[in-house]
Amino acid sequence: MTLRMNIDCNGCYQRIRKALHQMQELERHEIDKKQGRVSVYGAFSPQDVAIKIRKRTNRRVEILEVREAPPPGEGDGAGHMP
């Protein structure tokens, strides 16, 4: 999932990073300070994660994109005969 957030300073960046580290349902995250975008990966409800980040950081959060991972076994070529 990709979020747009206002990341003005290092304090904002640290607050967002700390909030993301505290969330157990996230597998990993990426923060792009220049673009003001935060990408999170894992099994979670997008709305719940956005609300938690907003509450913990006191920053406006806008969901830009949500992508679901393919089910296990799909997309990796498993089970296909040549």
N, C-alpha and C. Protein backbone atom coordinates (compact mmCIF):
# COMPACT_ATOMS: atom_id res chain seq x y z
N MET A 1 0.85 -1.16 0.00
CA MET A 1 0.00 0.00 0.00
C MET A 1 0.90 1.23 0.00
N THR A 2 0.52 2.24 -0.77
CA THR A 2 1.27 3.48 -0.82
C THR A 2 0.43 4.60 -0.22
N LEU A 3 1.06 5.38 0.65
CA LEU A 3 0.39 6.49 1.32
C LEU A 3 1.09 7.79 0.98
N ARG A 4 0.34 8.88 0.95
CA ARG A 4 0.95 10.20 0.82
C ARG A 4 0.86 10.89 2.18
N MET A 5 2.01 11.38 2.65
CA MET A 5 2.06 12.08 3.93
C MET A 5 2.97 13.29 3.78
N ASN A 6 2.73 14.28 4.59
CA ASN A 6 3.56 15.47 4.58
C ASN A 6 4.76 15.22 5.50
N ILE A 7 5.95 15.09 4.90
CA ILE A 7 7.18 14.82 5.67
C ILE A 7 8.07 16.05 5.52
N ASP A 8 7.86 17.03 6.39
CA ASP A 8 8.55 18.32 6.29
C ASP A 8 9.98 18.31 6.82
N CYS A 9 10.18 17.57 7.91
CA CYS A 9 11.47 17.67 8.60
C CYS A 9 11.89 16.30 9.11
N ASN A 10 13.07 16.24 9.70
CA ASN A 10 13.57 14.98 10.24
C ASN A 10 12.72 14.50 11.42
N GLY A 11 12.16 15.43 12.17
CA GLY A 11 11.28 15.05 13.28
C GLY A 11 10.04 14.33 12.78
N CYS A 12 9.46 14.81 11.69
CA CYS A 12 8.29 14.16 11.08
C CYS A 12 8.68 12.77 10.58
N TYR A 13 9.81 12.69 9.93
CA TYR A 13 10.31 11.41 9.41
C TYR A 13 10.49 10.42 10.56
N GLN A 14 11.11 10.84 11.65
CA GLN A 14 11.35 9.96 12.78
C GLN A 14 10.05 9.50 13.43
N ARG A 15 9.07 10.40 13.52
CA ARG A 15 7.78 10.06 14.11
C ARG A 15 7.06 9.00 13.27
N ILE A 16 7.08 9.16 11.96
CA ILE A 16 6.46 8.20 11.06
C ILE A 16 7.17 6.86 11.14
N ARG A 17 8.50 6.91 11.12
CA ARG A 17 9.31 5.68 11.19
C ARG A 17 9.04 4.92 12.49
N LYS A 18 8.97 5.64 13.60
CA LYS A 18 8.70 5.02 14.89
C LYS A 18 7.32 4.36 14.91
N ALA A 19 6.32 5.06 14.37
CA ALA A 19 4.96 4.51 14.32
C ALA A 19 4.91 3.23 13.49
N LEU A 20 5.63 3.22 12.37
CA LEU A 20 5.64 2.04 11.50
C LEU A 20 6.33 0.85 12.17
N HIS A 21 7.41 1.12 12.90
CA HIS A 21 8.13 0.05 13.60
C HIS A 21 7.29 -0.59 14.69
N GLN A 22 6.37 0.18 15.28
CA GLN A 22 5.53 -0.33 16.36
C GLN A 22 4.38 -1.21 15.86
N MET A 23 4.10 -1.17 14.57
CA MET A 23 2.97 -1.91 14.02
C MET A 23 3.41 -3.33 13.64
N GLN A 24 2.90 -4.31 14.37
CA GLN A 24 3.32 -5.70 14.21
C GLN A 24 2.87 -6.31 12.88
N GLU A 25 1.74 -5.83 12.32
CA GLU A 25 1.20 -6.45 11.11
C GLU A 25 1.98 -6.11 9.83
N LEU A 26 2.89 -5.16 9.90
CA LEU A 26 3.67 -4.77 8.74
C LEU A 26 4.93 -5.64 8.61
N GLU A 27 5.18 -6.13 7.39
CA GLU A 27 6.39 -6.91 7.15
C GLU A 27 7.58 -5.99 6.92
N ARG A 28 7.36 -4.92 6.13
CA ARG A 28 8.42 -3.95 5.90
C ARG A 28 7.79 -2.65 5.41
N HIS A 29 8.61 -1.59 5.36
CA HIS A 29 8.12 -0.30 4.89
C HIS A 29 9.25 0.47 4.21
N GLU A 30 8.86 1.44 3.39
CA GLU A 30 9.82 2.34 2.73
C GLU A 30 9.27 3.75 2.87
N ILE A 31 10.15 4.69 3.21
CA ILE A 31 9.74 6.08 3.34
C ILE A 31 10.53 6.91 2.34
N ASP A 32 9.83 7.63 1.46
CA ASP A 32 10.45 8.50 0.47
C ASP A 32 10.17 9.94 0.89
N LYS A 33 11.17 10.56 1.53
CA LYS A 33 10.98 11.92 2.07
C LYS A 33 10.74 12.94 0.96
N LYS A 34 11.47 12.83 -0.14
CA LYS A 34 11.34 13.82 -1.22
C LYS A 34 9.96 13.80 -1.86
N GLN A 35 9.42 12.60 -2.09
CA GLN A 35 8.11 12.46 -2.71
C GLN A 35 6.97 12.55 -1.70
N GLY A 36 7.29 12.41 -0.41
CA GLY A 36 6.25 12.44 0.62
C GLY A 36 5.38 11.19 0.57
N ARG A 37 6.02 10.06 0.28
CA ARG A 37 5.27 8.80 0.15
C ARG A 37 5.82 7.75 1.10
N VAL A 38 4.90 6.95 1.62
CA VAL A 38 5.25 5.85 2.51
C VAL A 38 4.64 4.59 1.92
N SER A 39 5.46 3.56 1.70
CA SER A 39 4.98 2.28 1.19
C SER A 39 5.10 1.26 2.31
N VAL A 40 4.02 0.51 2.54
CA VAL A 40 4.03 -0.52 3.58
C VAL A 40 3.63 -1.85 2.95
N TYR A 41 4.19 -2.92 3.48
CA TYR A 41 3.97 -4.25 2.94
C TYR A 41 3.63 -5.20 4.08
N GLY A 42 2.69 -6.11 3.82
CA GLY A 42 2.30 -7.10 4.81
C GLY A 42 0.84 -7.45 4.66
N ALA A 43 0.35 -8.27 5.58
CA ALA A 43 -1.06 -8.67 5.59
C ALA A 43 -1.78 -7.80 6.60
N PHE A 44 -2.59 -6.85 6.11
CA PHE A 44 -3.27 -5.90 6.99
C PHE A 44 -4.47 -5.30 6.28
N SER A 45 -5.29 -4.62 7.05
CA SER A 45 -6.41 -3.87 6.50
C SER A 45 -5.91 -2.46 6.20
N PRO A 46 -5.96 -2.01 4.94
CA PRO A 46 -5.42 -0.69 4.59
C PRO A 46 -6.00 0.47 5.41
N GLN A 47 -7.31 0.45 5.64
CA GLN A 47 -7.93 1.53 6.40
C GLN A 47 -7.45 1.53 7.84
N ASP A 48 -7.32 0.34 8.44
CA ASP A 48 -6.86 0.26 9.83
C ASP A 48 -5.44 0.79 9.98
N VAL A 49 -4.56 0.43 9.04
CA VAL A 49 -3.18 0.90 9.09
C VAL A 49 -3.12 2.42 8.92
N ALA A 50 -3.88 2.95 7.97
CA ALA A 50 -3.88 4.40 7.75
C ALA A 50 -4.37 5.14 8.99
N ILE A 51 -5.40 4.62 9.64
CA ILE A 51 -5.93 5.26 10.86
C ILE A 51 -4.90 5.21 11.98
N LYS A 52 -4.24 4.05 12.15
CA LYS A 52 -3.23 3.93 13.21
C LYS A 52 -2.08 4.92 12.98
N ILE A 53 -1.62 5.02 11.73
CA ILE A 53 -0.52 5.94 11.43
C ILE A 53 -0.95 7.38 11.70
N ARG A 54 -2.16 7.73 11.29
CA ARG A 54 -2.66 9.10 11.52
C ARG A 54 -2.73 9.41 13.00
N LYS A 55 -3.23 8.48 13.80
CA LYS A 55 -3.36 8.71 15.24
C LYS A 55 -2.00 8.81 15.93
N ARG A 56 -1.06 7.97 15.50
CA ARG A 56 0.25 7.94 16.16
C ARG A 56 1.15 9.10 15.76
N THR A 57 0.94 9.64 14.55
CA THR A 57 1.83 10.70 14.07
C THR A 57 1.17 12.08 14.08
N ASN A 58 -0.16 12.13 14.21
CA ASN A 58 -0.91 13.39 14.16
C ASN A 58 -0.67 14.09 12.81
N ARG A 59 -0.54 13.30 11.75
CA ARG A 59 -0.32 13.80 10.39
C ARG A 59 -1.45 13.31 9.49
N ARG A 60 -1.78 14.09 8.47
CA ARG A 60 -2.79 13.68 7.50
C ARG A 60 -2.22 12.55 6.65
N VAL A 61 -3.05 11.52 6.41
CA VAL A 61 -2.63 10.34 5.64
C VAL A 61 -3.62 10.16 4.49
N GLU A 62 -3.09 10.03 3.27
CA GLU A 62 -3.92 9.79 2.10
C GLU A 62 -3.47 8.49 1.45
N ILE A 63 -4.42 7.56 1.27
CA ILE A 63 -4.11 6.29 0.62
C ILE A 63 -4.08 6.52 -0.89
N LEU A 64 -2.93 6.28 -1.52
CA LEU A 64 -2.79 6.47 -2.95
C LEU A 64 -3.05 5.19 -3.73
N GLU A 65 -2.55 4.07 -3.23
CA GLU A 65 -2.63 2.82 -3.98
C GLU A 65 -2.63 1.64 -3.01
N VAL A 66 -3.47 0.66 -3.31
CA VAL A 66 -3.49 -0.58 -2.55
C VAL A 66 -3.35 -1.72 -3.54
N ARG A 67 -2.33 -2.53 -3.36
CA ARG A 67 -2.11 -3.70 -4.21
C ARG A 67 -2.15 -4.94 -3.34
N GLU A 68 -2.89 -5.94 -3.79
CA GLU A 68 -2.94 -7.20 -3.06
C GLU A 68 -1.92 -8.15 -3.65
N ALA A 69 -1.26 -8.87 -2.78
CA ALA A 69 -0.28 -9.87 -3.22
C ALA A 69 -1.02 -11.05 -3.82
N PRO A 70 -0.46 -11.67 -4.86
CA PRO A 70 -1.11 -12.86 -5.43
C PRO A 70 -1.09 -14.01 -4.43
N PRO A 71 -2.10 -14.87 -4.47
CA PRO A 71 -2.11 -16.02 -3.56
C PRO A 71 -0.87 -16.89 -3.75
N PRO A 72 -0.43 -17.60 -2.73
CA PRO A 72 0.76 -18.45 -2.85
C PRO A 72 0.60 -19.45 -3.99
N GLY A 73 1.66 -19.60 -4.78
CA GLY A 73 1.64 -20.53 -5.89
C GLY A 73 1.26 -19.88 -7.21
N GLU A 74 0.69 -18.69 -7.19
CA GLU A 74 0.34 -17.99 -8.43
C GLU A 74 1.42 -16.97 -8.75
N GLY A 75 1.69 -16.84 -10.03
CA GLY A 75 2.64 -15.82 -10.46
C GLY A 75 4.09 -16.23 -10.36
N ASP A 76 4.37 -17.39 -9.78
CA ASP A 76 5.78 -17.82 -9.67
C ASP A 76 6.11 -18.97 -10.60
N GLY A 77 5.15 -19.36 -11.45
CA GLY A 77 5.38 -20.42 -12.42
C GLY A 77 5.19 -21.80 -11.84
N ALA A 78 4.81 -21.93 -10.58
CA ALA A 78 4.63 -23.22 -9.96
C ALA A 78 3.38 -23.91 -10.52
N GLY A 79 3.49 -25.20 -10.81
CA GLY A 79 2.36 -25.96 -11.25
C GLY A 79 2.09 -25.89 -12.74
N HIS A 80 2.91 -25.21 -13.51
CA HIS A 80 2.71 -25.12 -14.95
C HIS A 80 3.62 -26.10 -15.67
N MET A 81 3.06 -26.85 -16.58
CA MET A 81 3.84 -27.80 -17.36
C MET A 81 4.34 -27.13 -18.63
N PRO A 82 5.61 -27.31 -19.01
CA PRO A 82 6.11 -26.70 -20.25
C PRO A 82 5.57 -27.37 -21.50
